C-alpha atoms as a PDB file:
ATOM      1  CA  MET A   1      52.047 177.727 168.442  1.00  0.00           C
ATOM      2  CA  GLN A   2      53.929 174.933 168.240  1.00  0.00           C
ATOM      3  CA  LEU A   3      54.128 172.293 166.154  1.00  0.00           C
ATOM      4  CA  HIS A   4      54.787 168.415 167.575  1.00  0.00           C
ATOM      5  CA  GLN A   5      56.326 167.513 164.773  1.00  0.00           C
ATOM      6  CA  PHE A   6      59.489 164.510 163.061  1.00  0.00           C
ATOM      7  CA  ARG A   7      62.054 167.243 161.383  1.00  0.00           C
ATOM      8  CA  HIS A   8      61.892 164.554 158.168  1.00  0.00           C
ATOM      9  CA  SER A   9      58.259 163.476 157.906  1.00  0.00           C
ATOM     10  CA  ALA A  10      57.031 165.393 154.552  1.00  0.00           C
ATOM     11  CA  PHE A  11      53.443 166.181 156.833  1.00  0.00           C
ATOM     12  CA  CYS A  12      55.229 167.891 158.368  1.00  0.00           C
ATOM     13  CA  GLU A  13      56.876 169.759 156.554  1.00  0.00           C
ATOM     14  CA  LYS A  14      53.707 170.083 154.675  1.00  0.00           C
ATOM     15  CA  VAL A  15      52.699 171.945 157.774  1.00  0.00           C
ATOM     16  CA  ARG A  16      55.777 174.402 157.838  1.00  0.00           C
ATOM     17  CA  LEU A  17      55.332 175.870 154.878  1.00  0.00           C
ATOM     18  CA  VAL A  18      51.642 176.159 155.673  1.00  0.00           C
ATOM     19  CA  LEU A  19      52.640 178.823 158.547  1.00  0.00           C
ATOM     20  CA  ALA A  20      55.995 180.289 156.216  1.00  0.00           C
ATOM     21  CA  ALA A  21      52.870 180.950 153.229  1.00  0.00           C
ATOM     22  CA  LYS A  22      51.366 182.975 156.543  1.00  0.00           C
ATOM     23  CA  GLY A  23      54.040 184.542 157.895  1.00  0.00           C
ATOM     24  CA  LEU A  24      53.158 183.140 161.409  1.00  0.00           C
ATOM     25  CA  ASP A  25      55.084 182.663 164.211  1.00  0.00           C
ATOM     26  CA  TYR A  26      55.579 178.756 165.873  1.00  0.00           C
ATOM     27  CA  THR A  27      57.826 177.035 168.449  1.00  0.00           C
ATOM     28  CA  VAL A  28      59.008 173.264 166.998  1.00  0.00           C
ATOM     29  CA  VAL A  29      58.862 170.725 169.610  1.00  0.00           C
ATOM     30  CA  GLU A  30      61.030 167.723 167.893  1.00  0.00           C
ATOM     31  CA  VAL A  31      59.266 164.317 169.099  1.00  0.00           C
ATOM     32  CA  THR A  32      61.475 161.208 170.721  1.00  0.00           C
ATOM     33  CA  PRO A  33      60.270 158.296 168.792  1.00  0.00           C
ATOM     34  CA  GLY A  34      58.531 155.183 171.474  1.00  0.00           C
ATOM     35  CA  LEU A  35      59.043 158.343 174.655  1.00  0.00           C
ATOM     36  CA  GLY A  36      57.678 161.484 172.415  1.00  0.00           C
ATOM     37  CA  GLN A  37      54.679 159.785 171.263  1.00  0.00           C
ATOM     38  CA  LEU A  38      53.462 159.191 174.340  1.00  0.00           C
ATOM     39  CA  GLU A  39      53.091 161.869 175.718  1.00  0.00           C
ATOM     40  CA  LEU A  40      52.025 163.394 172.081  1.00  0.00           C
ATOM     41  CA  PHE A  41      49.145 160.980 172.908  1.00  0.00           C
ATOM     42  CA  ARG A  42      48.384 162.341 175.856  1.00  0.00           C
ATOM     43  CA  LEU A  43      48.165 165.260 174.204  1.00  0.00           C
ATOM     44  CA  SER A  44      46.363 164.658 171.190  1.00  0.00           C
ATOM     45  CA  GLY A  45      45.010 161.044 171.408  1.00  0.00           C
ATOM     46  CA  GLN A  46      46.820 160.083 168.492  1.00  0.00           C
ATOM     47  CA  ARG A  47      50.427 159.699 168.323  1.00  0.00           C
ATOM     48  CA  GLN A  48      51.297 160.447 164.398  1.00  0.00           C
ATOM     49  CA  VAL A  49      53.083 164.178 163.508  1.00  0.00           C
ATOM     50  CA  PRO A  50      52.314 167.001 163.015  1.00  0.00           C
ATOM     51  CA  VAL A  51      50.225 168.363 165.521  1.00  0.00           C
ATOM     52  CA  LEU A  52      49.402 171.310 166.509  1.00  0.00           C
ATOM     53  CA  VAL A  53      48.819 173.707 169.415  1.00  0.00           C
ATOM     54  CA  ASP A  54      47.341 177.032 169.070  1.00  0.00           C
ATOM     55  CA  GLY A  55      45.876 178.053 171.971  1.00  0.00           C
ATOM     56  CA  ALA A  56      43.571 175.718 173.587  1.00  0.00           C
ATOM     57  CA  ASP A  57      43.409 174.201 170.750  1.00  0.00           C
ATOM     58  CA  VAL A  58      45.089 171.329 169.738  1.00  0.00           C
ATOM     59  CA  ILE A  59      45.064 169.960 166.026  1.00  0.00           C
ATOM     60  CA  PRO A  60      46.361 166.891 164.280  1.00  0.00           C
ATOM     61  CA  ASP A  61      46.346 166.052 160.997  1.00  0.00           C
ATOM     62  CA  SER A  62      48.263 167.809 158.265  1.00  0.00           C
ATOM     63  CA  THR A  63      45.798 168.479 156.302  1.00  0.00           C
ATOM     64  CA  ALA A  64      43.368 170.088 159.496  1.00  0.00           C
ATOM     65  CA  ILE A  65      45.856 172.293 160.688  1.00  0.00           C
ATOM     66  CA  ALA A  66      45.851 174.309 157.104  1.00  0.00           C
ATOM     67  CA  LEU A  67      42.315 174.142 157.348  1.00  0.00           C
ATOM     68  CA  HIS A  68      42.073 175.766 160.878  1.00  0.00           C
ATOM     69  CA  LEU A  69      44.794 177.890 159.970  1.00  0.00           C
ATOM     70  CA  GLU A  70      42.951 178.555 156.798  1.00  0.00           C
ATOM     71  CA  SER A  71      40.193 179.907 158.532  1.00  0.00           C
ATOM     72  CA  ARG A  72      42.117 181.545 161.076  1.00  0.00           C
ATOM     73  CA  HIS A  73      43.693 183.726 158.855  1.00  0.00           C
ATOM     74  CA  PRO A  74      42.487 184.282 155.829  1.00  0.00           C
ATOM     75  CA  LEU A  75      45.559 185.967 154.272  1.00  0.00           C
ATOM     76  CA  PRO A  76      46.791 185.079 152.182  1.00  0.00           C
ATOM     77  CA  PRO A  77      45.022 182.804 151.301  1.00  0.00           C
ATOM     78  CA  LEU A  78      45.479 179.379 150.190  1.00  0.00           C
ATOM     79  CA  LEU A  79      41.854 178.267 149.070  1.00  0.00           C
ATOM     80  CA  PRO A  80      40.679 179.929 146.482  1.00  0.00           C
ATOM     81  CA  SER A  81      37.654 181.923 146.558  1.00  0.00           C
ATOM     82  CA  ASP A  82      36.020 179.640 143.286  1.00  0.00           C
ATOM     83  CA  PRO A  83      34.243 177.039 144.074  1.00  0.00           C
ATOM     84  CA  ALA A  84      35.720 174.873 141.372  1.00  0.00           C
ATOM     85  CA  GLU A  85      39.695 175.693 141.756  1.00  0.00           C
ATOM     86  CA  LYS A  86      38.527 174.996 145.606  1.00  0.00           C
ATOM     87  CA  ALA A  87      37.966 171.921 144.262  1.00  0.00           C
ATOM     88  CA  ARG A  88      40.846 170.907 142.387  1.00  0.00           C
ATOM     89  CA  VAL A  89      43.317 172.114 144.981  1.00  0.00           C
ATOM     90  CA  LEU A  90      42.080 170.157 147.791  1.00  0.00           C
ATOM     91  CA  LEU A  91      41.789 167.073 145.333  1.00  0.00           C
ATOM     92  CA  LEU A  92      45.332 167.480 144.245  1.00  0.00           C
ATOM     93  CA  GLU A  93      45.968 167.944 147.820  1.00  0.00           C
ATOM     94  CA  ASP A  94      44.414 165.315 148.903  1.00  0.00           C
ATOM     95  CA  TRP A  95      46.195 162.663 145.696  1.00  0.00           C
ATOM     96  CA  ALA A  96      49.676 164.314 147.128  1.00  0.00           C
ATOM     97  CA  ASP A  97      48.994 162.808 150.684  1.00  0.00           C
ATOM     98  CA  THR A  98      48.151 159.132 148.999  1.00  0.00           C
ATOM     99  CA  ALA A  99      48.872 157.745 146.555  1.00  0.00           C
ATOM    100  CA  LEU A 100      51.955 160.477 145.327  1.00  0.00           C
ATOM    101  CA  ALA A 101      53.562 159.847 148.960  1.00  0.00           C
ATOM    102  CA  GLN A 102      53.010 156.570 149.296  1.00  0.00           C
ATOM    103  CA  GLY A 103      54.891 155.748 146.347  1.00  0.00           C
ATOM    104  CA  CYS A 104      57.208 159.320 147.195  1.00  0.00           C
ATOM    105  CA  ARG A 105      58.584 157.156 150.676  1.00  0.00           C
ATOM    106  CA  LEU A 106      58.831 153.691 149.772  1.00  0.00           C
ATOM    107  CA  ALA A 107      61.079 155.485 147.192  1.00  0.00           C
ATOM    108  CA  LEU A 108      62.901 156.706 150.239  1.00  0.00           C
ATOM    109  CA  LEU A 109      63.362 153.706 152.260  1.00  0.00           C
ATOM    110  CA  GLN A 110      64.565 151.889 149.141  1.00  0.00           C
ATOM    111  CA  ALA A 111      67.604 154.699 148.821  1.00  0.00           C
ATOM    112  CA  ALA A 112      68.119 154.586 152.044  1.00  0.00           C
ATOM    113  CA  VAL A 113      69.004 151.213 152.464  1.00  0.00           C
ATOM    114  CA  THR A 114      72.070 152.248 149.322  1.00  0.00           C
ATOM    115  CA  ASP A 115      72.930 154.824 151.203  1.00  0.00           C
ATOM    116  CA  PRO A 116      73.851 155.286 154.374  1.00  0.00           C
ATOM    117  CA  VAL A 117      74.460 159.135 154.663  1.00  0.00           C
ATOM    118  CA  LEU A 118      70.480 159.454 153.860  1.00  0.00           C
ATOM    119  CA  ARG A 119      70.107 156.714 156.565  1.00  0.00           C
ATOM    120  CA  ALA A 120      71.246 157.997 158.922  1.00  0.00           C
ATOM    121  CA  GLY A 121      70.403 161.389 158.187  1.00  0.00           C
ATOM    122  CA  LEU A 122      67.120 160.752 158.230  1.00  0.00           C
ATOM    123  CA  LEU A 123      67.231 159.307 161.829  1.00  0.00           C
ATOM    124  CA  PRO A 124      65.802 161.392 164.814  1.00  0.00           C
ATOM    125  CA  GLU A 125      68.048 164.955 165.869  1.00  0.00           C
ATOM    126  CA  ALA A 126      68.106 163.324 169.278  1.00  0.00           C
ATOM    127  CA  THR A 127      69.596 160.465 168.408  1.00  0.00           C
ATOM    128  CA  PRO A 128      71.894 159.320 169.834  1.00  0.00           C
ATOM    129  CA  THR A 129      75.450 159.473 167.922  1.00  0.00           C
ATOM    130  CA  PRO A 130      77.018 155.866 168.537  1.00  0.00           C
ATOM    131  CA  LEU A 131      73.282 154.650 166.926  1.00  0.00           C
ATOM    132  CA  ARG A 132      73.684 157.246 163.813  1.00  0.00           C
ATOM    133  CA  GLN A 133      76.858 155.596 163.396  1.00  0.00           C
ATOM    134  CA  LEU A 134      75.861 151.986 163.959  1.00  0.00           C
ATOM    135  CA  VAL A 135      72.643 152.903 162.214  1.00  0.00           C
ATOM    136  CA  SER A 136      74.898 153.521 159.194  1.00  0.00           C
ATOM    137  CA  GLY A 137      77.699 151.184 159.134  1.00  0.00           C
ATOM    138  CA  LEU A 138      75.067 148.030 159.153  1.00  0.00           C
ATOM    139  CA  PRO A 139      76.846 145.739 157.767  1.00  0.00           C
ATOM    140  CA  GLY A 140      76.078 144.732 154.006  1.00  0.00           C
ATOM    141  CA  GLY A 141      74.355 141.818 154.116  1.00  0.00           C
ATOM    142  CA  MET A 142      71.757 142.751 156.052  1.00  0.00           C
ATOM    143  CA  VAL A 143      70.981 146.069 154.170  1.00  0.00           C
ATOM    144  CA  GLY A 144      70.905 144.060 150.801  1.00  0.00           C
ATOM    145  CA  GLY A 145      68.118 141.479 152.832  1.00  0.00           C
ATOM    146  CA  MET A 146      66.177 144.925 153.717  1.00  0.00           C
ATOM    147  CA  GLY A 147      66.459 146.183 150.278  1.00  0.00           C
ATOM    148  CA  GLU A 148      65.149 142.909 148.661  1.00  0.00           C
ATOM    149  CA  VAL A 149      61.752 142.784 151.473  1.00  0.00           C
ATOM    150  CA  ILE A 150      60.940 146.432 150.092  1.00  0.00           C
ATOM    151  CA  GLY A 151      61.840 145.965 147.039  1.00  0.00           C
ATOM    152  CA  GLY A 152      59.058 144.075 147.031  1.00  0.00           C
ATOM    153  CA  VAL A 153      57.091 145.803 148.887  1.00  0.00           C
ATOM    154  CA  VAL A 154      57.145 148.752 146.309  1.00  0.00           C
ATOM    155  CA  GLY A 155      58.072 146.818 143.365  1.00  0.00           C
ATOM    156  CA  GLN A 156      57.934 148.136 139.297  1.00  0.00           C
ATOM    157  CA  GLN A 157      54.887 148.856 138.763  1.00  0.00           C
ATOM    158  CA  GLN A 158      54.323 152.048 141.311  1.00  0.00           C
ATOM    159  CA  ARG A 159      57.455 152.787 140.762  1.00  0.00           C
ATOM    160  CA  ARG A 160      57.082 153.488 137.031  1.00  0.00           C
ATOM    161  CA  GLN A 161      53.445 154.700 138.709  1.00  0.00           C
ATOM    162  CA  LEU A 162      55.644 157.146 140.854  1.00  0.00           C
ATOM    163  CA  GLN A 163      58.347 158.154 137.340  1.00  0.00           C
ATOM    164  CA  SER A 164      54.712 158.634 135.483  1.00  0.00           C
ATOM    165  CA  SER A 165      53.182 160.826 137.577  1.00  0.00           C
ATOM    166  CA  LEU A 166      56.626 162.834 138.147  1.00  0.00           C
ATOM    167  CA  GLU A 167      57.036 163.648 134.291  1.00  0.00           C
ATOM    168  CA  GLN A 168      53.696 164.270 134.268  1.00  0.00           C
ATOM    169  CA  LEU A 169      54.077 167.535 137.536  1.00  0.00           C
ATOM    170  CA  ALA A 170      56.619 168.352 134.965  1.00  0.00           C
ATOM    171  CA  VAL A 171      54.807 169.254 132.358  1.00  0.00           C
ATOM    172  CA  LEU A 172      52.646 171.338 134.551  1.00  0.00           C
ATOM    173  CA  THR A 173      54.830 173.070 136.472  1.00  0.00           C
ATOM    174  CA  ALA A 174      56.970 173.507 133.405  1.00  0.00           C
ATOM    175  CA  ALA A 175      53.530 175.359 131.478  1.00  0.00           C
ATOM    176  CA  ARG A 176      52.952 177.466 135.385  1.00  0.00           C
ATOM    177  CA  SER A 177      54.332 179.407 138.134  1.00  0.00           C
ATOM    178  CA  TYR A 178      51.460 176.858 140.032  1.00  0.00           C
ATOM    179  CA  LEU A 179      48.918 174.400 139.810  1.00  0.00           C
ATOM    180  CA  VAL A 180      46.038 175.515 139.776  1.00  0.00           C
ATOM    181  CA  ALA A 181      45.288 179.436 138.580  1.00  0.00           C
ATOM    182  CA  ASP A 182      47.652 181.924 138.966  1.00  0.00           C
ATOM    183  CA  GLN A 183      47.932 182.143 142.988  1.00  0.00           C
ATOM    184  CA  LEU A 184      50.225 179.886 145.717  1.00  0.00           C
ATOM    185  CA  SER A 185      47.705 177.423 147.358  1.00  0.00           C
ATOM    186  CA  LEU A 186      47.436 174.069 150.007  1.00  0.00           C
ATOM    187  CA  ALA A 187      47.792 172.697 146.813  1.00  0.00           C
ATOM    188  CA  ASP A 188      51.002 173.136 145.894  1.00  0.00           C
ATOM    189  CA  LEU A 189      52.213 173.390 149.284  1.00  0.00           C
ATOM    190  CA  ALA A 190      51.091 169.856 149.337  1.00  0.00           C
ATOM    191  CA  VAL A 191      53.234 168.078 146.115  1.00  0.00           C
ATOM    192  CA  VAL A 192      56.081 170.768 147.558  1.00  0.00           C
ATOM    193  CA  ALA A 193      56.547 169.149 150.996  1.00  0.00           C
ATOM    194  CA  GLN A 194      56.453 165.419 149.329  1.00  0.00           C
ATOM    195  CA  LEU A 195      58.454 166.656 146.632  1.00  0.00           C
ATOM    196  CA  SER A 196      61.708 166.803 149.597  1.00  0.00           C
ATOM    197  CA  LEU A 197      61.529 162.805 150.281  1.00  0.00           C
ATOM    198  CA  LEU A 198      62.915 162.623 146.701  1.00  0.00           C
ATOM    199  CA  ARG A 199      65.864 164.983 146.967  1.00  0.00           C
ATOM    200  CA  PHE A 200      66.363 167.253 149.992  1.00  0.00           C
ATOM    201  CA  PRO A 201      65.857 171.276 149.464  1.00  0.00           C
ATOM    202  CA  ALA A 202      68.685 172.864 150.849  1.00  0.00           C
ATOM    203  CA  SER A 203      66.573 174.121 154.162  1.00  0.00           C
ATOM    204  CA  SER A 204      66.837 169.625 155.771  1.00  0.00           C
ATOM    205  CA  GLY A 205      70.937 170.660 156.074  1.00  0.00           C
ATOM    206  CA  ALA A 206      73.949 168.505 156.203  1.00  0.00           C
ATOM    207  CA  PRO A 207      74.464 166.006 155.023  1.00  0.00           C
ATOM    208  CA  LEU A 208      70.558 165.727 153.763  1.00  0.00           C
ATOM    209  CA  ALA A 209      70.080 168.583 151.225  1.00  0.00           C
ATOM    210  CA  GLY A 210      70.598 167.426 147.337  1.00  0.00           C
ATOM    211  CA  ARG A 211      70.236 163.300 148.683  1.00  0.00           C
ATOM    212  CA  GLY A 212      67.368 161.635 147.217  1.00  0.00           C
ATOM    213  CA  VAL A 213      66.302 159.369 145.741  1.00  0.00           C
ATOM    214  CA  SER A 214      68.710 157.718 142.308  1.00  0.00           C
ATOM    215  CA  GLY A 215      66.229 158.253 139.650  1.00  0.00           C
ATOM    216  CA  ILE A 216      64.422 160.315 140.728  1.00  0.00           C
ATOM    217  CA  ALA A 217      66.467 163.641 142.500  1.00  0.00           C
ATOM    218  CA  ASP A 218      68.866 162.957 138.971  1.00  0.00           C
ATOM    219  CA  ASN A 219      66.892 162.670 136.145  1.00  0.00           C
ATOM    220  CA  PRO A 220      67.134 165.020 134.241  1.00  0.00           C
ATOM    221  CA  LEU A 221      63.885 165.203 133.053  1.00  0.00           C
ATOM    222  CA  LEU A 222      62.239 165.652 136.265  1.00  0.00           C
ATOM    223  CA  GLU A 223      64.964 168.945 136.611  1.00  0.00           C
ATOM    224  CA  PRO A 224      62.232 171.202 135.642  1.00  0.00           C
ATOM    225  CA  LEU A 225      60.014 169.413 138.482  1.00  0.00           C
ATOM    226  CA  PHE A 226      62.888 169.955 141.172  1.00  0.00           C
ATOM    227  CA  GLY A 227      63.291 173.941 139.605  1.00  0.00           C
ATOM    228  CA  TRP A 228      60.063 175.061 140.254  1.00  0.00           C
ATOM    229  CA  ARG A 229      59.896 173.043 144.163  1.00  0.00           C
ATOM    230  CA  ASP A 230      62.327 175.597 144.395  1.00  0.00           C
ATOM    231  CA  ARG A 231      60.992 178.722 143.179  1.00  0.00           C
ATOM    232  CA  VAL A 232      58.000 177.813 145.702  1.00  0.00           C
ATOM    233  CA  LEU A 233      60.271 177.079 148.894  1.00  0.00           C
ATOM    234  CA  ASP A 234      62.679 180.696 147.485  1.00  0.00           C
ATOM    235  CA  GLN A 235      59.421 182.439 147.416  1.00  0.00           C
ATOM    236  CA  LEU A 236      58.349 181.499 151.302  1.00  0.00           C
ATOM    237  CA  GLY A 237      61.582 182.544 152.035  1.00  0.00           C
ATOM    238  CA  ARG A 238      62.923 178.153 152.981  1.00  0.00           C
ATOM    239  CA  GLY A 239      65.007 178.199 149.932  1.00  0.00           C
END
């Protein structure tokens, strides 16, 4: 199998977590923005990652990939057999991929505006060193203007909603090992993947590991949530 990805995409991380949970071997194709996305379009009919190539099957979209892998490799299961529990897992996964993903992505963009190390670290691995240095060294006035634009998009209300959702997740994960029932599920993996944008795990490598969104990554109320995330990653051998 081949996974066409952006390394720091939460949706690609979600697929990597599913593959890890299933114990499946695969190779990574790091897509270069621009030209690489044109090649991806010829392969899959779309420019977005992730895309999984599994033999003759070319599957775009993280949820479609997860369901494909669940069908082809049912053990260990990531969807409960109980219909009600399966419905909860799929609802939580959809929430993580939509509302939570939007809040996490915009919060990360806002943080990257004021953190040059974070800004440069998020660039694709193939980015030439001079361009990486240019991005990290953007003048303060220019970066400040970008921050005002992004801050207007995110808005105080959206940031409060993200904070509230994370605090509720912290309560849930402090009381139990998994979000649904007593086993790892697709819901856990979808949430864990989005949390990787708010405080980068050790697997992100230098210089991103441990960095994140100020006010969230360093919030004591959310420490149980990131602790839960790291336990899930350790369980999958990705700590």
